[in-house]
């Protein structure tokens, strides 16, 4: 099957301009390995963007708008030019095009091997995978996917259109003990739950503890990578990205649009502002103000020491 990139972009209301020969694609690949029948993209600009685009054999390349007039389409052995498509955010355009090309079959249904509490509520058009356990007083919103071997222990609420990948545990007790006069540890009761907003994704083998005296909360649109741990009473804002290995200590608050790097640690009982970037392997032990970039152990602000390009590389976001 072949696809017309212009039609795909127009269906997603993405503005673009073109240089080269109109053509269709049969697949997609990374810019370094793409063939003449493939779609690819390059978000880099300047010399790096020029080098990557000029060396690529991709039939169609989505490029940053700033590269228009800087780079020209290559001509293949048959005399046909590449098609270079210039747009403000080539990575986003590529994502949307791929989602149109490689549409996933909608998963709907509850596995006969799943265990669902009689007090649980499952929304419409949901999928519950093999050996998944949905515990007492859990609620799952419409159009959500809960893959195999997931545990929602108790008192967990998922909003609409959530995706919970294999091996995730939601709603287990957090880590909290109190010593008596003899030094024995007595567990602090956890009587609250986990509240997860709409369109949240949690990747494989992550864990989110339920609250002790207040709910653990994850805001709408936030995405958690694999092996992330969110402790009890944590409040995570909207549209946050927590990459693999991130640990958030108990009763800490994250604002909206926070990005945490690989294996970063944020201690308990602190506040992270909106639009904060936490670098990979950072150890955050103090509050962080809105818009800051922190790195190191203990983490310190490096916002005034990084270039726009470094900020882009750290956060994986569109360069302004």
C-alpha atoms as a PDB file:
ATOM      1  CA  UNK A   1       0.000   0.000   0.000  1.00  0.00           C
ATOM      2  CA  UNK A   2       1.166   3.537  -0.738  1.00  0.00           C
ATOM      3  CA  UNK A   3       0.416   6.816   1.033  1.00  0.00           C
ATOM      4  CA  UNK A   4       0.387  10.420  -0.121  1.00  0.00           C
ATOM      5  CA  UNK A   5       2.137  12.550   2.499  1.00  0.00           C
ATOM      6  CA  UNK A   6       0.355  15.727   1.437  1.00  0.00           C
ATOM      7  CA  UNK A   7      -3.046  14.159   2.013  1.00  0.00           C
ATOM      8  CA  UNK A   8      -1.927  12.817   5.387  1.00  0.00           C
ATOM      9  CA  UNK A   9      -0.669  16.214   6.558  1.00  0.00           C
ATOM     10  CA  UNK A  10      -3.716  18.053   5.284  1.00  0.00           C
ATOM     11  CA  UNK A  11      -5.984  15.636   7.145  1.00  0.00           C
ATOM     12  CA  UNK A  12      -4.161  16.670  10.331  1.00  0.00           C
ATOM     13  CA  UNK A  13      -4.298  20.433   9.581  1.00  0.00           C
ATOM     14  CA  UNK A  14      -0.503  20.679   9.353  1.00  0.00           C
ATOM     15  CA  UNK A  15       0.845  23.556   7.252  1.00  0.00           C
ATOM     16  CA  UNK A  16       3.741  22.785   4.928  1.00  0.00           C
ATOM     17  CA  UNK A  17       5.641  23.727   1.784  1.00  0.00           C
ATOM     18  CA  UNK A  18       7.454  21.382  -0.588  1.00  0.00           C
ATOM     19  CA  UNK A  19      10.468  21.090  -2.848  1.00  0.00           C
ATOM     20  CA  UNK A  20      11.061  18.177  -5.218  1.00  0.00           C
ATOM     21  CA  UNK A  21       8.961  15.587  -7.007  1.00  0.00           C
ATOM     22  CA  UNK A  22       5.511  14.579  -5.760  1.00  0.00           C
ATOM     23  CA  UNK A  23       5.554  10.933  -4.766  1.00  0.00           C
ATOM     24  CA  UNK A  24       4.007   8.368  -2.448  1.00  0.00           C
ATOM     25  CA  UNK A  25       5.649   6.242   0.227  1.00  0.00           C
ATOM     26  CA  UNK A  26       5.319   2.594   1.211  1.00  0.00           C
ATOM     27  CA  UNK A  27       6.836   2.777   4.690  1.00  0.00           C
ATOM     28  CA  UNK A  28       8.900   4.817   7.153  1.00  0.00           C
ATOM     29  CA  UNK A  29      12.393   4.621   8.630  1.00  0.00           C
ATOM     30  CA  UNK A  30      15.121   6.580  10.416  1.00  0.00           C
ATOM     31  CA  UNK A  31      16.761   9.176   8.220  1.00  0.00           C
ATOM     32  CA  UNK A  32      20.099   7.329   8.163  1.00  0.00           C
ATOM     33  CA  UNK A  33      18.637   4.059   6.848  1.00  0.00           C
ATOM     34  CA  UNK A  34      15.537   5.158   4.938  1.00  0.00           C
ATOM     35  CA  UNK A  35      15.136   4.018   1.328  1.00  0.00           C
ATOM     36  CA  UNK A  36      13.655   5.719  -1.704  1.00  0.00           C
ATOM     37  CA  UNK A  37      10.206   4.354  -0.839  1.00  0.00           C
ATOM     38  CA  UNK A  38      10.335   5.536   2.803  1.00  0.00           C
ATOM     39  CA  UNK A  39       9.146   8.567   4.722  1.00  0.00           C
ATOM     40  CA  UNK A  40      11.545  10.051   7.275  1.00  0.00           C
ATOM     41  CA  UNK A  41      12.064  13.296   9.199  1.00  0.00           C
ATOM     42  CA  UNK A  42      14.806  15.585  10.481  1.00  0.00           C
ATOM     43  CA  UNK A  43      14.198  18.101  13.270  1.00  0.00           C
ATOM     44  CA  UNK A  44      17.814  19.312  13.237  1.00  0.00           C
ATOM     45  CA  UNK A  45      18.668  22.638  11.624  1.00  0.00           C
ATOM     46  CA  UNK A  46      21.894  24.307  10.502  1.00  0.00           C
ATOM     47  CA  UNK A  47      24.928  22.229   9.592  1.00  0.00           C
ATOM     48  CA  UNK A  48      23.700  19.079  11.315  1.00  0.00           C
ATOM     49  CA  UNK A  49      20.342  19.250   9.586  1.00  0.00           C
ATOM     50  CA  UNK A  50      21.999  19.909   6.236  1.00  0.00           C
ATOM     51  CA  UNK A  51      24.328  16.933   6.686  1.00  0.00           C
ATOM     52  CA  UNK A  52      21.589  14.491   7.705  1.00  0.00           C
ATOM     53  CA  UNK A  53      19.184  15.512   4.956  1.00  0.00           C
ATOM     54  CA  UNK A  54      21.763  15.675   2.170  1.00  0.00           C
ATOM     55  CA  UNK A  55      23.096  12.187   2.991  1.00  0.00           C
ATOM     56  CA  UNK A  56      19.695  10.509   3.314  1.00  0.00           C
ATOM     57  CA  UNK A  57      18.178   8.306   0.617  1.00  0.00           C
ATOM     58  CA  UNK A  58      14.639   8.719   1.957  1.00  0.00           C
ATOM     59  CA  UNK A  59      12.022   9.389  -0.700  1.00  0.00           C
ATOM     60  CA  UNK A  60      10.266  11.998   1.440  1.00  0.00           C
ATOM     61  CA  UNK A  61      11.824  13.899   4.343  1.00  0.00           C
ATOM     62  CA  UNK A  62       9.903  16.131   6.734  1.00  0.00           C
ATOM     63  CA  UNK A  63      12.240  19.042   7.501  1.00  0.00           C
ATOM     64  CA  UNK A  64      12.247  22.106   9.732  1.00  0.00           C
ATOM     65  CA  UNK A  65      10.824  25.155   7.961  1.00  0.00           C
ATOM     66  CA  UNK A  66      14.072  27.049   8.536  1.00  0.00           C
ATOM     67  CA  UNK A  67      15.815  24.649   6.130  1.00  0.00           C
ATOM     68  CA  UNK A  68      13.707  25.771   3.161  1.00  0.00           C
ATOM     69  CA  UNK A  69      16.007  27.346   0.595  1.00  0.00           C
ATOM     70  CA  UNK A  70      19.056  25.972   2.421  1.00  0.00           C
ATOM     71  CA  UNK A  71      18.832  22.375   1.223  1.00  0.00           C
ATOM     72  CA  UNK A  72      17.808  20.974  -2.171  1.00  0.00           C
ATOM     73  CA  UNK A  73      16.275  17.564  -2.944  1.00  0.00           C
ATOM     74  CA  UNK A  74      18.607  14.784  -4.046  1.00  0.00           C
ATOM     75  CA  UNK A  75      18.100  13.059  -7.369  1.00  0.00           C
ATOM     76  CA  UNK A  76      18.017   9.251  -7.366  1.00  0.00           C
ATOM     77  CA  UNK A  77      19.482   6.899  -9.973  1.00  0.00           C
ATOM     78  CA  UNK A  78      16.265   7.085 -11.998  1.00  0.00           C
ATOM     79  CA  UNK A  79      16.413  10.860 -12.176  1.00  0.00           C
ATOM     80  CA  UNK A  80      13.575  11.404  -9.684  1.00  0.00           C
ATOM     81  CA  UNK A  81      13.994  14.054  -7.013  1.00  0.00           C
ATOM     82  CA  UNK A  82      13.352  13.527  -3.330  1.00  0.00           C
ATOM     83  CA  UNK A  83      10.371  15.339  -1.880  1.00  0.00           C
ATOM     84  CA  UNK A  84      11.391  17.658   0.950  1.00  0.00           C
ATOM     85  CA  UNK A  85       8.446  18.811   3.052  1.00  0.00           C
ATOM     86  CA  UNK A  86       9.075  21.846   5.264  1.00  0.00           C
ATOM     87  CA  UNK A  87       6.972  22.329   8.381  1.00  0.00           C
ATOM     88  CA  UNK A  88       7.296  24.008  11.779  1.00  0.00           C
ATOM     89  CA  UNK A  89       7.505  20.763  13.737  1.00  0.00           C
ATOM     90  CA  UNK A  90       8.670  17.882  11.525  1.00  0.00           C
ATOM     91  CA  UNK A  91       8.733  15.392  14.402  1.00  0.00           C
ATOM     92  CA  UNK A  92       5.092  16.060  15.265  1.00  0.00           C
ATOM     93  CA  UNK A  93       4.134  15.877  11.588  1.00  0.00           C
ATOM     94  CA  UNK A  94       5.973  12.545  11.327  1.00  0.00           C
ATOM     95  CA  UNK A  95       4.214  11.176  14.416  1.00  0.00           C
ATOM     96  CA  UNK A  96       0.802  12.102  13.066  1.00  0.00           C
ATOM     97  CA  UNK A  97       1.562  10.689   9.629  1.00  0.00           C
ATOM     98  CA  UNK A  98       2.781   7.400  11.124  1.00  0.00           C
ATOM     99  CA  UNK A  99      -0.296   7.115  13.288  1.00  0.00           C
ATOM    100  CA  UNK A 100      -2.371   7.398  10.129  1.00  0.00           C
ATOM    101  CA  UNK A 101      -0.236   4.904   8.188  1.00  0.00           C
ATOM    102  CA  UNK A 102       0.163   2.312  10.935  1.00  0.00           C
ATOM    103  CA  UNK A 103      -3.204   2.422  12.614  1.00  0.00           C
ATOM    104  CA  UNK A 104      -3.363  -0.023  15.500  1.00  0.00           C
ATOM    105  CA  UNK A 105      -6.296  -2.351  15.748  1.00  0.00           C
ATOM    106  CA  UNK A 106      -8.508  -1.172  18.580  1.00  0.00           C
ATOM    107  CA  UNK A 107      -8.366  -3.515  21.543  1.00  0.00           C
ATOM    108  CA  UNK A 108     -11.708  -4.062  23.233  1.00  0.00           C
ATOM    109  CA  UNK A 109     -12.783  -6.752  25.674  1.00  0.00           C
ATOM    110  CA  UNK A 110     -11.970  -8.331  29.008  1.00  0.00           C
ATOM    111  CA  UNK A 111      -9.766 -11.408  29.088  1.00  0.00           C
ATOM    112  CA  UNK A 112     -11.259 -14.502  30.677  1.00  0.00           C
ATOM    113  CA  UNK A 113      -7.956 -14.778  32.546  1.00  0.00           C
ATOM    114  CA  UNK A 114      -8.349 -11.362  34.203  1.00  0.00           C
ATOM    115  CA  UNK A 115      -9.638 -11.028  37.763  1.00  0.00           C
ATOM    116  CA  UNK A 116     -12.165  -8.224  38.259  1.00  0.00           C
ATOM    117  CA  UNK A 117     -13.558  -7.322  41.677  1.00  0.00           C
ATOM    118  CA  UNK A 118     -17.357  -7.179  41.846  1.00  0.00           C
ATOM    119  CA  UNK A 119     -17.003  -3.639  43.226  1.00  0.00           C
ATOM    120  CA  UNK A 120     -14.875  -2.457  40.282  1.00  0.00           C
ATOM    121  CA  UNK A 121     -16.347  -0.394  37.438  1.00  0.00           C
ATOM    122  CA  UNK A 122     -15.118  -0.768  33.861  1.00  0.00           C
ATOM    123  CA  UNK A 123     -16.003   1.880  31.259  1.00  0.00           C
ATOM    124  CA  UNK A 124     -17.058   1.428  27.649  1.00  0.00           C
ATOM    125  CA  UNK A 125     -14.735   0.122  24.930  1.00  0.00           C
ATOM    126  CA  UNK A 126     -12.012  -0.910  27.381  1.00  0.00           C
ATOM    127  CA  UNK A 127      -9.475  -3.700  27.104  1.00  0.00           C
ATOM    128  CA  UNK A 128      -8.308  -5.726  30.117  1.00  0.00           C
ATOM    129  CA  UNK A 129      -5.473  -8.170  29.399  1.00  0.00           C
ATOM    130  CA  UNK A 130      -4.527 -11.643  30.598  1.00  0.00           C
ATOM    131  CA  UNK A 131      -3.835 -12.142  34.320  1.00  0.00           C
ATOM    132  CA  UNK A 132      -4.590  -8.515  35.145  1.00  0.00           C
ATOM    133  CA  UNK A 133      -6.157  -7.892  38.553  1.00  0.00           C
ATOM    134  CA  UNK A 134      -8.646  -5.062  39.063  1.00  0.00           C
ATOM    135  CA  UNK A 135      -9.199  -4.761  42.807  1.00  0.00           C
ATOM    136  CA  UNK A 136     -11.914  -3.436  45.061  1.00  0.00           C
ATOM    137  CA  UNK A 137     -13.391  -0.003  44.360  1.00  0.00           C
ATOM    138  CA  UNK A 138     -11.339   0.570  41.214  1.00  0.00           C
ATOM    139  CA  UNK A 139     -12.767   2.490  38.257  1.00  0.00           C
ATOM    140  CA  UNK A 140     -11.511   2.469  34.676  1.00  0.00           C
ATOM    141  CA  UNK A 141     -12.652   5.174  32.267  1.00  0.00           C
ATOM    142  CA  UNK A 142     -13.931   4.701  28.740  1.00  0.00           C
ATOM    143  CA  UNK A 143     -11.579   3.651  25.918  1.00  0.00           C
ATOM    144  CA  UNK A 144      -8.769   2.670  28.295  1.00  0.00           C
ATOM    145  CA  UNK A 145      -6.318  -0.177  27.717  1.00  0.00           C
ATOM    146  CA  UNK A 146      -4.900  -2.174  30.623  1.00  0.00           C
ATOM    147  CA  UNK A 147      -2.461  -4.743  29.283  1.00  0.00           C
ATOM    148  CA  UNK A 148      -1.441  -8.133  30.713  1.00  0.00           C
ATOM    149  CA  UNK A 149      -0.312  -8.768  34.296  1.00  0.00           C
ATOM    150  CA  UNK A 150      -1.237  -5.339  35.627  1.00  0.00           C
ATOM    151  CA  UNK A 151      -2.401  -4.920  39.226  1.00  0.00           C
ATOM    152  CA  UNK A 152      -4.811  -2.224  40.331  1.00  0.00           C
ATOM    153  CA  UNK A 153      -4.754  -3.169  43.994  1.00  0.00           C
ATOM    154  CA  UNK A 154      -7.618  -1.081  45.352  1.00  0.00           C
ATOM    155  CA  UNK A 155      -9.148   2.398  45.256  1.00  0.00           C
ATOM    156  CA  UNK A 156      -7.619   3.275  41.873  1.00  0.00           C
ATOM    157  CA  UNK A 157      -9.348   5.487  39.332  1.00  0.00           C
ATOM    158  CA  UNK A 158      -8.260   5.754  35.690  1.00  0.00           C
ATOM    159  CA  UNK A 159      -9.673   8.478  33.462  1.00  0.00           C
ATOM    160  CA  UNK A 160     -10.749   7.968  29.872  1.00  0.00           C
ATOM    161  CA  UNK A 161      -8.290   6.829  27.187  1.00  0.00           C
ATOM    162  CA  UNK A 162      -5.522   5.702  29.537  1.00  0.00           C
ATOM    163  CA  UNK A 163      -2.926   3.090  28.594  1.00  0.00           C
ATOM    164  CA  UNK A 164      -1.351   0.937  31.317  1.00  0.00           C
ATOM    165  CA  UNK A 165       1.384  -1.349  30.030  1.00  0.00           C
ATOM    166  CA  UNK A 166       2.460  -4.796  31.176  1.00  0.00           C
ATOM    167  CA  UNK A 167       3.601  -5.370  34.743  1.00  0.00           C
ATOM    168  CA  UNK A 168       2.454  -2.058  36.223  1.00  0.00           C
ATOM    169  CA  UNK A 169       1.272  -1.954  39.847  1.00  0.00           C
ATOM    170  CA  UNK A 170      -1.113   0.785  40.925  1.00  0.00           C
ATOM    171  CA  UNK A 171      -2.431   1.262  44.429  1.00  0.00           C
ATOM    172  CA  UNK A 172      -0.103  -0.841  46.577  1.00  0.00           C
ATOM    173  CA  UNK A 173       0.770   0.526  50.020  1.00  0.00           C
ATOM    174  CA  UNK A 174       3.546   3.084  50.134  1.00  0.00           C
ATOM    175  CA  UNK A 175       6.650   2.854  52.307  1.00  0.00           C
ATOM    176  CA  UNK A 176       5.904   4.446  55.690  1.00  0.00           C
ATOM    177  CA  UNK A 177       6.708   3.158  59.166  1.00  0.00           C
ATOM    178  CA  UNK A 178       6.929   4.512  62.694  1.00  0.00           C
ATOM    179  CA  UNK A 179       9.224   3.169  65.421  1.00  0.00           C
ATOM    180  CA  UNK A 180       8.038   2.346  68.890  1.00  0.00           C
ATOM    181  CA  UNK A 181      10.161   2.791  71.981  1.00  0.00           C
ATOM    182  CA  UNK A 182      11.774  -0.599  71.389  1.00  0.00           C
ATOM    183  CA  UNK A 183      12.777   0.250  67.836  1.00  0.00           C
ATOM    184  CA  UNK A 184      10.163  -1.942  66.179  1.00  0.00           C
ATOM    185  CA  UNK A 185       8.743  -0.615  62.916  1.00  0.00           C
ATOM    186  CA  UNK A 186       4.968  -0.242  62.691  1.00  0.00           C
ATOM    187  CA  UNK A 187       3.419   0.310  59.273  1.00  0.00           C
ATOM    188  CA  UNK A 188       1.617   3.605  58.704  1.00  0.00           C
ATOM    189  CA  UNK A 189      -1.892   2.838  57.375  1.00  0.00           C
ATOM    190  CA  UNK A 190      -2.675   3.707  53.763  1.00  0.00           C
ATOM    191  CA  UNK A 191      -6.373   4.456  53.542  1.00  0.00           C
ATOM    192  CA  UNK A 192      -6.552   6.526  50.344  1.00  0.00           C
ATOM    193  CA  UNK A 193      -6.131   5.700  46.661  1.00  0.00           C
ATOM    194  CA  UNK A 194      -4.665   6.604  43.271  1.00  0.00           C
ATOM    195  CA  UNK A 195      -6.395   9.100  40.981  1.00  0.00           C
ATOM    196  CA  UNK A 196      -5.203   9.136  37.373  1.00  0.00           C
ATOM    197  CA  UNK A 197      -6.528  11.635  34.842  1.00  0.00           C
ATOM    198  CA  UNK A 198      -7.449  11.281  31.175  1.00  0.00           C
ATOM    199  CA  UNK A 199      -5.070  10.186  28.424  1.00  0.00           C
ATOM    200  CA  UNK A 200      -2.347   9.077  30.850  1.00  0.00           C
ATOM    201  CA  UNK A 201       0.143   6.393  29.802  1.00  0.00           C
ATOM    202  CA  UNK A 202       2.212   4.326  32.247  1.00  0.00           C
ATOM    203  CA  UNK A 203       4.880   2.073  30.768  1.00  0.00           C
ATOM    204  CA  UNK A 204       5.967  -1.427  31.757  1.00  0.00           C
ATOM    205  CA  UNK A 205       6.912  -2.389  35.315  1.00  0.00           C
ATOM    206  CA  UNK A 206       6.274   1.001  36.869  1.00  0.00           C
ATOM    207  CA  UNK A 207       4.598   1.449  40.245  1.00  0.00           C
ATOM    208  CA  UNK A 208       2.371   4.101  41.775  1.00  0.00           C
ATOM    209  CA  UNK A 209       1.675   3.787  45.506  1.00  0.00           C
ATOM    210  CA  UNK A 210      -1.679   4.706  46.929  1.00  0.00           C
ATOM    211  CA  UNK A 211      -1.971   7.578  49.348  1.00  0.00           C
ATOM    212  CA  UNK A 212      -1.796   7.279  53.085  1.00  0.00           C
ATOM    213  CA  UNK A 213      -3.990  10.221  54.100  1.00  0.00           C
ATOM    214  CA  UNK A 214      -4.420  11.888  50.681  1.00  0.00           C
ATOM    215  CA  UNK A 215      -4.696  10.409  47.199  1.00  0.00           C
ATOM    216  CA  UNK A 216      -1.718   9.966  44.907  1.00  0.00           C
ATOM    217  CA  UNK A 217      -2.607  11.947  41.765  1.00  0.00           C
ATOM    218  CA  UNK A 218      -1.383  11.928  38.144  1.00  0.00           C
ATOM    219  CA  UNK A 219      -2.779  14.709  35.955  1.00  0.00           C
ATOM    220  CA  UNK A 220      -4.308  14.558  32.491  1.00  0.00           C
ATOM    221  CA  UNK A 221      -2.012  13.756  29.593  1.00  0.00           C
ATOM    222  CA  UNK A 222       1.038  12.789  31.650  1.00  0.00           C
ATOM    223  CA  UNK A 223       3.300   9.972  30.447  1.00  0.00           C
ATOM    224  CA  UNK A 224       5.432   7.680  32.630  1.00  0.00           C
ATOM    225  CA  UNK A 225       8.195   5.578  31.108  1.00  0.00           C
ATOM    226  CA  UNK A 226       9.181   2.074  32.246  1.00  0.00           C
ATOM    227  CA  UNK A 227      10.468   1.431  35.781  1.00  0.00           C
ATOM    228  CA  UNK A 228       9.203   4.714  37.209  1.00  0.00           C
ATOM    229  CA  UNK A 229       8.241   4.774  40.894  1.00  0.00           C
ATOM    230  CA  UNK A 230       5.767   7.281  42.287  1.00  0.00           C
ATOM    231  CA  UNK A 231       5.502   7.170  46.075  1.00  0.00           C
ATOM    232  CA  UNK A 232       2.461   7.781  48.275  1.00  0.00           C
ATOM    233  CA  UNK A 233       0.659  11.143  48.300  1.00  0.00           C
ATOM    234  CA  UNK A 234       2.579  12.474  45.283  1.00  0.00           C
ATOM    235  CA  UNK A 235       0.752  14.986  43.081  1.00  0.00           C
ATOM    236  CA  UNK A 236       1.863  15.080  39.427  1.00  0.00           C
ATOM    237  CA  UNK A 237       0.451  17.814  37.203  1.00  0.00           C
ATOM    238  CA  UNK A 238      -0.763  17.734  33.613  1.00  0.00           C
ATOM    239  CA  UNK A 239       1.312  16.765  30.562  1.00  0.00           C
ATOM    240  CA  UNK A 240       4.409  15.710  32.503  1.00  0.00           C
ATOM    241  CA  UNK A 241       6.977  13.275  31.077  1.00  0.00           C
ATOM    242  CA  UNK A 242       8.842  11.010  33.503  1.00  0.00           C
ATOM    243  CA  UNK A 243      11.492   8.971  31.691  1.00  0.00           C
ATOM    244  CA  UNK A 244      12.749   5.527  32.698  1.00  0.00           C
ATOM    245  CA  UNK A 245      14.032   5.028  36.216  1.00  0.00           C
ATOM    246  CA  UNK A 246      12.594   8.241  37.662  1.00  0.00           C
ATOM    247  CA  UNK A 247      11.806   8.066  41.386  1.00  0.00           C
ATOM    248  CA  UNK A 248       9.467  10.559  43.055  1.00  0.00           C
ATOM    249  CA  UNK A 249       9.529  10.565  46.864  1.00  0.00           C
ATOM    250  CA  UNK A 250       6.392  10.681  48.983  1.00  0.00           C
ATOM    251  CA  UNK A 251       4.220  13.802  49.289  1.00  0.00           C
ATOM    252  CA  UNK A 252       6.158  15.676  46.610  1.00  0.00           C
ATOM    253  CA  UNK A 253       4.284  17.874  44.126  1.00  0.00           C
ATOM    254  CA  UNK A 254       5.153  18.288  40.443  1.00  0.00           C
ATOM    255  CA  UNK A 255       3.610  21.099  38.413  1.00  0.00           C
ATOM    256  CA  UNK A 256       2.463  20.899  34.804  1.00  0.00           C
ATOM    257  CA  UNK A 257       4.777  20.108  31.859  1.00  0.00           C
ATOM    258  CA  UNK A 258       7.617  18.749  34.024  1.00  0.00           C
ATOM    259  CA  UNK A 259      10.222  16.569  32.275  1.00  0.00           C
ATOM    260  CA  UNK A 260      12.511  14.235  34.247  1.00  0.00           C
ATOM    261  CA  UNK A 261      15.600  12.605  32.741  1.00  0.00           C
ATOM    262  CA  UNK A 262      16.689   8.986  32.982  1.00  0.00           C
ATOM    263  CA  UNK A 263      17.291   7.713  36.532  1.00  0.00           C
ATOM    264  CA  UNK A 264      16.547  11.060  38.120  1.00  0.00           C
ATOM    265  CA  UNK A 265      15.489  11.208  41.773  1.00  0.00           C
ATOM    266  CA  UNK A 266      13.219  13.768  43.417  1.00  0.00           C
ATOM    267  CA  UNK A 267      13.106  13.503  47.202  1.00  0.00           C
ATOM    268  CA  UNK A 268      10.015  13.511  49.354  1.00  0.00           C
ATOM    269  CA  UNK A 269       8.076  16.547  50.570  1.00  0.00           C
ATOM    270  CA  UNK A 270       9.324  19.104  48.046  1.00  0.00           C
ATOM    271  CA  UNK A 271       7.665  21.143  45.296  1.00  0.00           C
ATOM    272  CA  UNK A 272       8.665  21.168  41.634  1.00  0.00           C
ATOM    273  CA  UNK A 273       7.226  24.055  39.608  1.00  0.00           C
ATOM    274  CA  UNK A 274       5.712  24.153  36.143  1.00  0.00           C
ATOM    275  CA  UNK A 275       7.799  23.635  32.976  1.00  0.00           C
ATOM    276  CA  UNK A 276      10.791  22.286  34.887  1.00  0.00           C
ATOM    277  CA  UNK A 277      13.497  20.103  33.325  1.00  0.00           C
ATOM    278  CA  UNK A 278      15.331  17.641  35.595  1.00  0.00           C
ATOM    279  CA  UNK A 279      18.463  16.309  33.894  1.00  0.00           C
ATOM    280  CA  UNK A 280      19.355  12.622  33.732  1.00  0.00           C
ATOM    281  CA  UNK A 281      20.638  11.126  37.017  1.00  0.00           C
ATOM    282  CA  UNK A 282      19.958  14.341  38.926  1.00  0.00           C
ATOM    283  CA  UNK A 283      19.209  14.182  42.632  1.00  0.00           C
ATOM    284  CA  UNK A 284      16.701  16.896  43.537  1.00  0.00           C
ATOM    285  CA  UNK A 285      16.557  17.658  47.257  1.00  0.00           C
ATOM    286  CA  UNK A 286      15.093  21.189  47.310  1.00  0.00           C
ATOM    287  CA  UNK A 287      12.110  22.972  45.783  1.00  0.00           C
ATOM    288  CA  UNK A 288      12.496  23.981  42.120  1.00  0.00           C
ATOM    289  CA  UNK A 289      10.917  27.165  40.738  1.00  0.00           C
ATOM    290  CA  UNK A 290       8.864  27.411  37.546  1.00  0.00           C
ATOM    291  CA  UNK A 291      10.822  27.100  34.313  1.00  0.00           C
ATOM    292  CA  UNK A 292      14.095  26.019  35.904  1.00  0.00           C
ATOM    293  CA  UNK A 293      16.563  23.441  34.575  1.00  0.00           C
ATOM    294  CA  UNK A 294      18.396  21.448  37.256  1.00  0.00           C
ATOM    295  CA  UNK A 295      21.212  18.916  37.048  1.00  0.00           C
ATOM    296  CA  UNK A 296      23.725  17.116  39.243  1.00  0.00           C
ATOM    297  CA  UNK A 297      23.759  15.639  42.744  1.00  0.00           C
ATOM    298  CA  UNK A 298      22.542  17.508  44.645  1.00  0.00           C
ATOM    299  CA  UNK A 299      20.711  19.141  41.747  1.00  0.00           C
ATOM    300  CA  UNK A 300      21.418  22.813  41.082  1.00  0.00           C
ATOM    301  CA  UNK A 301      20.026  25.258  38.571  1.00  0.00           C
ATOM    302  CA  UNK A 302      21.828  25.363  35.221  1.00  0.00           C
ATOM    303  CA  UNK A 303      19.189  27.390  33.411  1.00  0.00           C
ATOM    304  CA  UNK A 304      21.563  30.318  32.811  1.00  0.00           C
ATOM    305  CA  UNK A 305      24.374  28.046  31.623  1.00  0.00           C
ATOM    306  CA  UNK A 306      22.731  26.077  28.842  1.00  0.00           C
ATOM    307  CA  UNK A 307      22.004  27.029  25.265  1.00  0.00           C
ATOM    308  CA  UNK A 308      18.629  26.656  23.603  1.00  0.00           C
ATOM    309  CA  UNK A 309      19.959  23.651  21.715  1.00  0.00           C
ATOM    310  CA  UNK A 310      21.096  21.921  24.920  1.00  0.00           C
ATOM    311  CA  UNK A 311      17.689  22.548  26.447  1.00  0.00           C
ATOM    312  CA  UNK A 312      16.144  20.963  23.364  1.00  0.00           C
ATOM    313  CA  UNK A 313      18.408  17.917  23.584  1.00  0.00           C
ATOM    314  CA  UNK A 314      17.717  17.430  27.296  1.00  0.00           C
ATOM    315  CA  UNK A 315      13.963  17.679  27.031  1.00  0.00           C
ATOM    316  CA  UNK A 316      13.289  16.015  23.708  1.00  0.00           C
ATOM    317  CA  UNK A 317      10.941  18.833  22.886  1.00  0.00           C
ATOM    318  CA  UNK A 318      10.460  21.029  19.860  1.00  0.00           C
ATOM    319  CA  UNK A 319      13.128  23.698  19.630  1.00  0.00           C
ATOM    320  CA  UNK A 320      11.625  27.181  19.782  1.00  0.00           C
END
